[in-house]
Amino acid sequence: MGPGGLAMSEMSAWYILPNGNIKHLDGLELQPERDWLPTDASLELYTQAQREAGWTEVRILQRVMGLALEGEQWVRDNLE
């Protein structure tokens, strides 16, 4: 079970929030209605955690962009 008691496959790191956004287990929350942009709060927490882990700004940006694409594909595969 994922956060909020939602069932998730072993391969899925995404879950749907009550507000319709999707969230990755690493904390990045994406907003489908806003072109898959992360919420400001989740982006701030995510980037801070990655900086503390020693990631460069470029690597963080690449990962955020990758997660946006991954999240959009997850929705297509599982909800459409």
PDB file of N, CA and C in Angstrom:
ATOM      1  N   MET A   1       0.834  -1.182   0.000  1.00  0.00           N
ATOM      2  CA  MET A   1       0.000   0.000   0.000  1.00  0.00           C
ATOM      3  C   MET A   1       0.875   1.240   0.000  1.00  0.00           C
ATOM      4  N   GLY A   2       0.434   2.219  -0.748  1.00  0.00           N
ATOM      5  CA  GLY A   2       1.152   3.484  -0.813  1.00  0.00           C
ATOM      6  C   GLY A   2       0.635   4.437   0.233  1.00  0.00           C
ATOM      7  N   PRO A   3       1.166   5.624   0.252  1.00  0.00           N
ATOM      8  CA  PRO A   3       0.673   6.644   1.182  1.00  0.00           C
ATOM      9  C   PRO A   3      -0.825   6.856   1.000  1.00  0.00           C
ATOM     10  N   GLY A   4      -1.506   7.061   2.067  1.00  0.00           N
ATOM     11  CA  GLY A   4      -2.945   7.252   2.006  1.00  0.00           C
ATOM     12  C   GLY A   4      -3.703   5.953   1.814  1.00  0.00           C
ATOM     13  N   GLY A   5      -3.004   4.806   1.907  1.00  0.00           N
ATOM     14  CA  GLY A   5      -3.665   3.519   1.772  1.00  0.00           C
ATOM     15  C   GLY A   5      -3.984   3.129   0.347  1.00  0.00           C
ATOM     16  N   LEU A   6      -3.418   3.833  -0.637  1.00  0.00           N
ATOM     17  CA  LEU A   6      -3.686   3.508  -2.032  1.00  0.00           C
ATOM     18  C   LEU A   6      -2.801   2.361  -2.480  1.00  0.00           C
ATOM     19  N   ALA A   7      -3.379   1.421  -3.208  1.00  0.00           N
ATOM     20  CA  ALA A   7      -2.607   0.289  -3.714  1.00  0.00           C
ATOM     21  C   ALA A   7      -1.659   0.764  -4.803  1.00  0.00           C
ATOM     22  N   MET A   8      -0.452   0.225  -4.792  1.00  0.00           N
ATOM     23  CA  MET A   8       0.528   0.573  -5.817  1.00  0.00           C
ATOM     24  C   MET A   8       1.220  -0.709  -6.260  1.00  0.00           C
ATOM     25  N   SER A   9       1.571  -0.782  -7.520  1.00  0.00           N
ATOM     26  CA  SER A   9       2.343  -1.923  -7.986  1.00  0.00           C
ATOM     27  C   SER A   9       3.767  -1.785  -7.477  1.00  0.00           C
ATOM     28  N   GLU A  10       4.508  -2.879  -7.470  1.00  0.00           N
ATOM     29  CA  GLU A  10       5.882  -2.834  -6.999  1.00  0.00           C
ATOM     30  C   GLU A  10       6.731  -1.892  -7.845  1.00  0.00           C
ATOM     31  N   MET A  11       6.395  -1.738  -9.108  1.00  0.00           N
ATOM     32  CA  MET A  11       7.173  -0.902 -10.011  1.00  0.00           C
ATOM     33  C   MET A  11       6.778   0.569  -9.938  1.00  0.00           C
ATOM     34  N   SER A  12       5.698   0.888  -9.287  1.00  0.00           N
ATOM     35  CA  SER A  12       5.207   2.259  -9.280  1.00  0.00           C
ATOM     36  C   SER A  12       5.690   3.019  -8.057  1.00  0.00           C
ATOM     37  N   ALA A  13       6.195   4.195  -8.319  1.00  0.00           N
ATOM     38  CA  ALA A  13       6.614   5.076  -7.233  1.00  0.00           C
ATOM     39  C   ALA A  13       5.703   6.292  -7.172  1.00  0.00           C
ATOM     40  N   TRP A  14       4.557   6.238  -7.843  1.00  0.00           N
ATOM     41  CA  TRP A  14       3.623   7.360  -7.933  1.00  0.00           C
ATOM     42  C   TRP A  14       2.318   7.025  -7.243  1.00  0.00           C
ATOM     43  N   TYR A  15       1.651   8.034  -6.729  1.00  0.00           N
ATOM     44  CA  TYR A  15       0.300   7.865  -6.210  1.00  0.00           C
ATOM     45  C   TYR A  15      -0.474   9.163  -6.416  1.00  0.00           C
ATOM     46  N   ILE A  16      -1.785   9.048  -6.397  1.00  0.00           N
ATOM     47  CA  ILE A  16      -2.678  10.178  -6.637  1.00  0.00           C
ATOM     48  C   ILE A  16      -3.104  10.777  -5.309  1.00  0.00           C
ATOM     49  N   LEU A  17      -3.055  12.080  -5.229  1.00  0.00           N
ATOM     50  CA  LEU A  17      -3.508  12.804  -4.041  1.00  0.00           C
ATOM     51  C   LEU A  17      -4.976  13.195  -4.199  1.00  0.00           C
ATOM     52  N   PRO A  18      -5.666  13.453  -3.107  1.00  0.00           N
ATOM     53  CA  PRO A  18      -7.081  13.858  -3.192  1.00  0.00           C
ATOM     54  C   PRO A  18      -7.312  15.110  -4.047  1.00  0.00           C
ATOM     55  N   ASN A  19      -6.304  15.985  -4.155  1.00  0.00           N
ATOM     56  CA  ASN A  19      -6.470  17.203  -4.949  1.00  0.00           C
ATOM     57  C   ASN A  19      -6.257  16.968  -6.448  1.00  0.00           C
ATOM     58  N   GLY A  20      -5.981  15.717  -6.843  1.00  0.00           N
ATOM     59  CA  GLY A  20      -5.795  15.388  -8.249  1.00  0.00           C
ATOM     60  C   GLY A  20      -4.355  15.428  -8.717  1.00  0.00           C
ATOM     61  N   ASN A  21      -3.471  15.942  -7.890  1.00  0.00           N
ATOM     62  CA  ASN A  21      -2.060  15.933  -8.237  1.00  0.00           C
ATOM     63  C   ASN A  21      -1.513  14.521  -8.056  1.00  0.00           C
ATOM     64  N   ILE A  22      -0.359  14.269  -8.649  1.00  0.00           N
ATOM     65  CA  ILE A  22       0.309  12.998  -8.413  1.00  0.00           C
ATOM     66  C   ILE A  22       1.617  13.273  -7.704  1.00  0.00           C
ATOM     67  N   LYS A  23       2.019  12.332  -6.861  1.00  0.00           N
ATOM     68  CA  LYS A  23       3.213  12.543  -6.044  1.00  0.00           C
ATOM     69  C   LYS A  23       4.122  11.334  -6.151  1.00  0.00           C
ATOM     70  N   HIS A  24       5.397  11.594  -6.283  1.00  0.00           N
ATOM     71  CA  HIS A  24       6.422  10.553  -6.318  1.00  0.00           C
ATOM     72  C   HIS A  24       6.831  10.254  -4.879  1.00  0.00           C
ATOM     73  N   LEU A  25       7.263   9.030  -4.636  1.00  0.00           N
ATOM     74  CA  LEU A  25       7.661   8.675  -3.280  1.00  0.00           C
ATOM     75  C   LEU A  25       8.808   9.521  -2.743  1.00  0.00           C
ATOM     76  N   ASP A  26       9.585  10.136  -3.624  1.00  0.00           N
ATOM     77  CA  ASP A  26      10.668  11.006  -3.160  1.00  0.00           C
ATOM     78  C   ASP A  26      10.175  12.384  -2.747  1.00  0.00           C
ATOM     79  N   GLY A  27       8.874  12.659  -2.903  1.00  0.00           N
ATOM     80  CA  GLY A  27       8.281  13.901  -2.416  1.00  0.00           C
ATOM     81  C   GLY A  27       7.901  14.929  -3.463  1.00  0.00           C
ATOM     82  N   LEU A  28       8.305  14.732  -4.711  1.00  0.00           N
ATOM     83  CA  LEU A  28       7.967  15.718  -5.737  1.00  0.00           C
ATOM     84  C   LEU A  28       6.509  15.541  -6.152  1.00  0.00           C
ATOM     85  N   GLU A  29       5.718  16.599  -6.024  1.00  0.00           N
ATOM     86  CA  GLU A  29       4.290  16.582  -6.355  1.00  0.00           C
ATOM     87  C   GLU A  29       4.066  17.332  -7.663  1.00  0.00           C
ATOM     88  N   LEU A  30       3.481  16.636  -8.638  1.00  0.00           N
ATOM     89  CA  LEU A  30       3.236  17.220  -9.959  1.00  0.00           C
ATOM     90  C   LEU A  30       1.774  17.587 -10.123  1.00  0.00           C
ATOM     91  N   GLN A  31       1.533  18.663 -10.894  1.00  0.00           N
ATOM     92  CA  GLN A  31       0.194  19.189 -11.120  1.00  0.00           C
ATOM     93  C   GLN A  31      -0.198  18.976 -12.577  1.00  0.00           C
ATOM     94  N   PRO A  32      -0.972  17.935 -12.872  1.00  0.00           N
ATOM     95  CA  PRO A  32      -1.351  17.672 -14.269  1.00  0.00           C
ATOM     96  C   PRO A  32      -2.026  18.858 -14.950  1.00  0.00           C
ATOM     97  N   GLU A  33      -2.839  19.603 -14.220  1.00  0.00           N
ATOM     98  CA  GLU A  33      -3.560  20.724 -14.833  1.00  0.00           C
ATOM     99  C   GLU A  33      -2.648  21.923 -15.092  1.00  0.00           C
ATOM    100  N   ARG A  34      -1.431  21.885 -14.603  1.00  0.00           N
ATOM    101  CA  ARG A  34      -0.467  22.971 -14.825  1.00  0.00           C
ATOM    102  C   ARG A  34       0.726  22.457 -15.627  1.00  0.00           C
ATOM    103  N   ASP A  35       0.452  21.698 -16.671  1.00  0.00           N
ATOM    104  CA  ASP A  35       1.495  21.179 -17.567  1.00  0.00           C
ATOM    105  C   ASP A  35       2.566  20.385 -16.837  1.00  0.00           C
ATOM    106  N   TRP A  36       2.157  19.654 -15.815  1.00  0.00           N
ATOM    107  CA  TRP A  36       3.047  18.751 -15.076  1.00  0.00           C
ATOM    108  C   TRP A  36       4.134  19.475 -14.286  1.00  0.00           C
ATOM    109  N   LEU A  37       3.914  20.740 -13.982  1.00  0.00           N
ATOM    110  CA  LEU A  37       4.870  21.470 -13.152  1.00  0.00           C
ATOM    111  C   LEU A  37       4.732  21.007 -11.698  1.00  0.00           C
ATOM    112  N   PRO A  38       5.847  20.939 -10.977  1.00  0.00           N
ATOM    113  CA  PRO A  38       5.755  20.581  -9.562  1.00  0.00           C
ATOM    114  C   PRO A  38       5.162  21.729  -8.753  1.00  0.00           C
ATOM    115  N   THR A  39       4.592  21.394  -7.622  1.00  0.00           N
ATOM    116  CA  THR A  39       4.134  22.448  -6.724  1.00  0.00           C
ATOM    117  C   THR A  39       5.364  23.169  -6.188  1.00  0.00           C
ATOM    118  N   ASP A  40       5.199  24.433  -5.846  1.00  0.00           N
ATOM    119  CA  ASP A  40       6.325  25.210  -5.328  1.00  0.00           C
ATOM    120  C   ASP A  40       6.904  24.575  -4.066  1.00  0.00           C
ATOM    121  N   ALA A  41       6.014  24.173  -3.161  1.00  0.00           N
ATOM    122  CA  ALA A  41       6.474  23.614  -1.887  1.00  0.00           C
ATOM    123  C   ALA A  41       7.238  22.309  -2.090  1.00  0.00           C
ATOM    124  N   SER A  42       6.716  21.422  -2.934  1.00  0.00           N
ATOM    125  CA  SER A  42       7.407  20.140  -3.119  1.00  0.00           C
ATOM    126  C   SER A  42       8.722  20.331  -3.869  1.00  0.00           C
ATOM    127  N   LEU A  43       8.755  21.275  -4.801  1.00  0.00           N
ATOM    128  CA  LEU A  43       9.989  21.541  -5.537  1.00  0.00           C
ATOM    129  C   LEU A  43      11.069  22.081  -4.588  1.00  0.00           C
ATOM    130  N   GLU A  44      10.674  22.970  -3.700  1.00  0.00           N
ATOM    131  CA  GLU A  44      11.625  23.527  -2.740  1.00  0.00           C
ATOM    132  C   GLU A  44      12.191  22.439  -1.827  1.00  0.00           C
ATOM    133  N   LEU A  45      11.317  21.586  -1.290  1.00  0.00           N
ATOM    134  CA  LEU A  45      11.779  20.510  -0.410  1.00  0.00           C
ATOM    135  C   LEU A  45      12.643  19.504  -1.164  1.00  0.00           C
ATOM    136  N   TYR A  46      12.218  19.147  -2.369  1.00  0.00           N
ATOM    137  CA  TYR A  46      12.949  18.176  -3.175  1.00  0.00           C
ATOM    138  C   TYR A  46      14.350  18.693  -3.514  1.00  0.00           C
ATOM    139  N   THR A  47      14.434  19.931  -4.009  1.00  0.00           N
ATOM    140  CA  THR A  47      15.736  20.456  -4.411  1.00  0.00           C
ATOM    141  C   THR A  47      16.658  20.631  -3.204  1.00  0.00           C
ATOM    142  N   GLN A  48      16.112  21.040  -2.082  1.00  0.00           N
ATOM    143  CA  GLN A  48      16.934  21.179  -0.881  1.00  0.00           C
ATOM    144  C   GLN A  48      17.501  19.825  -0.459  1.00  0.00           C
ATOM    145  N   ALA A  49      16.674  18.795  -0.476  1.00  0.00           N
ATOM    146  CA  ALA A  49      17.147  17.457  -0.103  1.00  0.00           C
ATOM    147  C   ALA A  49      18.231  16.971  -1.057  1.00  0.00           C
ATOM    148  N   GLN A  50      18.060  17.243  -2.337  1.00  0.00           N
ATOM    149  CA  GLN A  50      19.063  16.800  -3.305  1.00  0.00           C
ATOM    150  C   GLN A  50      20.367  17.589  -3.164  1.00  0.00           C
ATOM    151  N   ARG A  51      20.270  18.876  -2.887  1.00  0.00           N
ATOM    152  CA  ARG A  51      21.481  19.681  -2.651  1.00  0.00           C
ATOM    153  C   ARG A  51      22.254  19.134  -1.448  1.00  0.00           C
ATOM    154  N   GLU A  52      21.504  18.822  -0.395  1.00  0.00           N
ATOM    155  CA  GLU A  52      22.136  18.275   0.813  1.00  0.00           C
ATOM    156  C   GLU A  52      22.792  16.929   0.525  1.00  0.00           C
ATOM    157  N   ALA A  53      22.264  16.204  -0.447  1.00  0.00           N
ATOM    158  CA  ALA A  53      22.840  14.915  -0.841  1.00  0.00           C
ATOM    159  C   ALA A  53      24.026  15.088  -1.787  1.00  0.00           C
ATOM    160  N   GLY A  54      24.340  16.337  -2.144  1.00  0.00           N
ATOM    161  CA  GLY A  54      25.491  16.608  -2.976  1.00  0.00           C
ATOM    162  C   GLY A  54      25.229  16.682  -4.470  1.00  0.00           C
ATOM    163  N   TRP A  55      23.966  16.714  -4.861  1.00  0.00           N
ATOM    164  CA  TRP A  55      23.636  16.799  -6.283  1.00  0.00           C
ATOM    165  C   TRP A  55      23.905  18.206  -6.801  1.00  0.00           C
ATOM    166  N   THR A  56      24.327  18.299  -8.059  1.00  0.00           N
ATOM    167  CA  THR A  56      24.512  19.594  -8.702  1.00  0.00           C
ATOM    168  C   THR A  56      23.153  20.124  -9.148  1.00  0.00           C
ATOM    169  N   GLU A  57      23.102  21.428  -9.409  1.00  0.00           N
ATOM    170  CA  GLU A  57      21.855  22.038  -9.893  1.00  0.00           C
ATOM    171  C   GLU A  57      21.414  21.413 -11.218  1.00  0.00           C
ATOM    172  N   VAL A  58      22.377  21.132 -12.076  1.00  0.00           N
ATOM    173  CA  VAL A  58      22.048  20.520 -13.373  1.00  0.00           C
ATOM    174  C   VAL A  58      21.439  19.139 -13.165  1.00  0.00           C
ATOM    175  N   ARG A  59      22.022  18.341 -12.292  1.00  0.00           N
ATOM    176  CA  ARG A  59      21.487  16.999 -12.042  1.00  0.00           C
ATOM    177  C   ARG A  59      20.087  17.078 -11.438  1.00  0.00           C
ATOM    178  N   ILE A  60      19.883  18.018 -10.527  1.00  0.00           N
ATOM    179  CA  ILE A  60      18.556  18.186  -9.919  1.00  0.00           C
ATOM    180  C   ILE A  60      17.536  18.543 -10.991  1.00  0.00           C
ATOM    181  N   LEU A  61      17.868  19.505 -11.839  1.00  0.00           N
ATOM    182  CA  LEU A  61      16.961  19.922 -12.905  1.00  0.00           C
ATOM    183  C   LEU A  61      16.656  18.770 -13.850  1.00  0.00           C
ATOM    184  N   GLN A  62      17.665  18.014 -14.220  1.00  0.00           N
ATOM    185  CA  GLN A  62      17.453  16.866 -15.103  1.00  0.00           C
ATOM    186  C   GLN A  62      16.515  15.858 -14.457  1.00  0.00           C
ATOM    187  N   ARG A  63      16.678  15.618 -13.171  1.00  0.00           N
ATOM    188  CA  ARG A  63      15.825  14.659 -12.468  1.00  0.00           C
ATOM    189  C   ARG A  63      14.388  15.172 -12.375  1.00  0.00           C
ATOM    190  N   VAL A  64      14.211  16.447 -12.082  1.00  0.00           N
ATOM    191  CA  VAL A  64      12.865  17.021 -12.005  1.00  0.00           C
ATOM    192  C   VAL A  64      12.164  16.895 -13.358  1.00  0.00           C
ATOM    193  N   MET A  65      12.873  17.211 -14.422  1.00  0.00           N
ATOM    194  CA  MET A  65      12.286  17.104 -15.760  1.00  0.00           C
ATOM    195  C   MET A  65      11.964  15.652 -16.078  1.00  0.00           C
ATOM    196  N   GLY A  66      12.850  14.746 -15.706  1.00  0.00           N
ATOM    197  CA  GLY A  66      12.605  13.329 -15.926  1.00  0.00           C
ATOM    198  C   GLY A  66      11.406  12.826 -15.151  1.00  0.00           C
ATOM    199  N   LEU A  67      11.268  13.281 -13.917  1.00  0.00           N
ATOM    200  CA  LEU A  67      10.113  12.874 -13.111  1.00  0.00           C
ATOM    201  C   LEU A  67       8.810  13.409 -13.701  1.00  0.00           C
ATOM    202  N   ALA A  68       8.834  14.601 -14.245  1.00  0.00           N
ATOM    203  CA  ALA A  68       7.628  15.151 -14.874  1.00  0.00           C
ATOM    204  C   ALA A  68       7.199  14.273 -16.050  1.00  0.00           C
ATOM    205  N   LEU A  69       8.155  13.868 -16.867  1.00  0.00           N
ATOM    206  CA  LEU A  69       7.830  12.991 -17.998  1.00  0.00           C
ATOM    207  C   LEU A  69       7.358  11.623 -17.517  1.00  0.00           C
ATOM    208  N   GLU A  70       8.040  11.097 -16.517  1.00  0.00           N
ATOM    209  CA  GLU A  70       7.674   9.796 -15.961  1.00  0.00           C
ATOM    210  C   GLU A  70       6.269   9.834 -15.350  1.00  0.00           C
ATOM    211  N   GLY A  71       5.983  10.905 -14.617  1.00  0.00           N
ATOM    212  CA  GLY A  71       4.662  11.039 -13.998  1.00  0.00           C
ATOM    213  C   GLY A  71       3.557  11.141 -15.019  1.00  0.00           C
ATOM    214  N   GLU A  72       3.785  11.898 -16.077  1.00  0.00           N
ATOM    215  CA  GLU A  72       2.786  12.010 -17.136  1.00  0.00           C
ATOM    216  C   GLU A  72       2.549  10.653 -17.796  1.00  0.00           C
ATOM    217  N   GLN A  73       3.612   9.906 -18.043  1.00  0.00           N
ATOM    218  CA  GLN A  73       3.468   8.589 -18.655  1.00  0.00           C
ATOM    219  C   GLN A  73       2.753   7.626 -17.717  1.00  0.00           C
ATOM    220  N   TRP A  74       3.040   7.717 -16.422  1.00  0.00           N
ATOM    221  CA  TRP A  74       2.380   6.863 -15.440  1.00  0.00           C
ATOM    222  C   TRP A  74       0.871   7.086 -15.470  1.00  0.00           C
ATOM    223  N   VAL A  75       0.460   8.367 -15.556  1.00  0.00           N
ATOM    224  CA  VAL A  75      -0.974   8.669 -15.628  1.00  0.00           C
ATOM    225  C   VAL A  75      -1.571   8.072 -16.895  1.00  0.00           C
ATOM    226  N   ARG A  76      -0.910   8.249 -18.014  1.00  0.00           N
ATOM    227  CA  ARG A  76      -1.409   7.682 -19.277  1.00  0.00           C
ATOM    228  C   ARG A  76      -1.566   6.162 -19.178  1.00  0.00           C
ATOM    229  N   ASP A  77      -0.573   5.511 -18.619  1.00  0.00           N
ATOM    230  CA  ASP A  77      -0.576   4.051 -18.537  1.00  0.00           C
ATOM    231  C   ASP A  77      -1.591   3.508 -17.549  1.00  0.00           C
ATOM    232  N   ASN A  78      -1.885   4.267 -16.511  1.00  0.00           N
ATOM    233  CA  ASN A  78      -2.696   3.732 -15.426  1.00  0.00           C
ATOM    234  C   ASN A  78      -4.075   4.354 -15.253  1.00  0.00           C
ATOM    235  N   LEU A  79      -4.305   5.515 -15.849  1.00  0.00           N
ATOM    236  CA  LEU A  79      -5.569   6.192 -15.576  1.00  0.00           C
ATOM    237  C   LEU A  79      -6.388   6.501 -16.808  1.00  0.00           C
ATOM    238  N   GLU A  80      -5.846   6.307 -17.978  1.00  0.00           N
ATOM    239  CA  GLU A  80      -6.614   6.626 -19.176  1.00  0.00           C
ATOM    240  C   GLU A  80      -7.177   5.380 -19.802  1.00  0.00           C
TER     241      GLU A  80
END
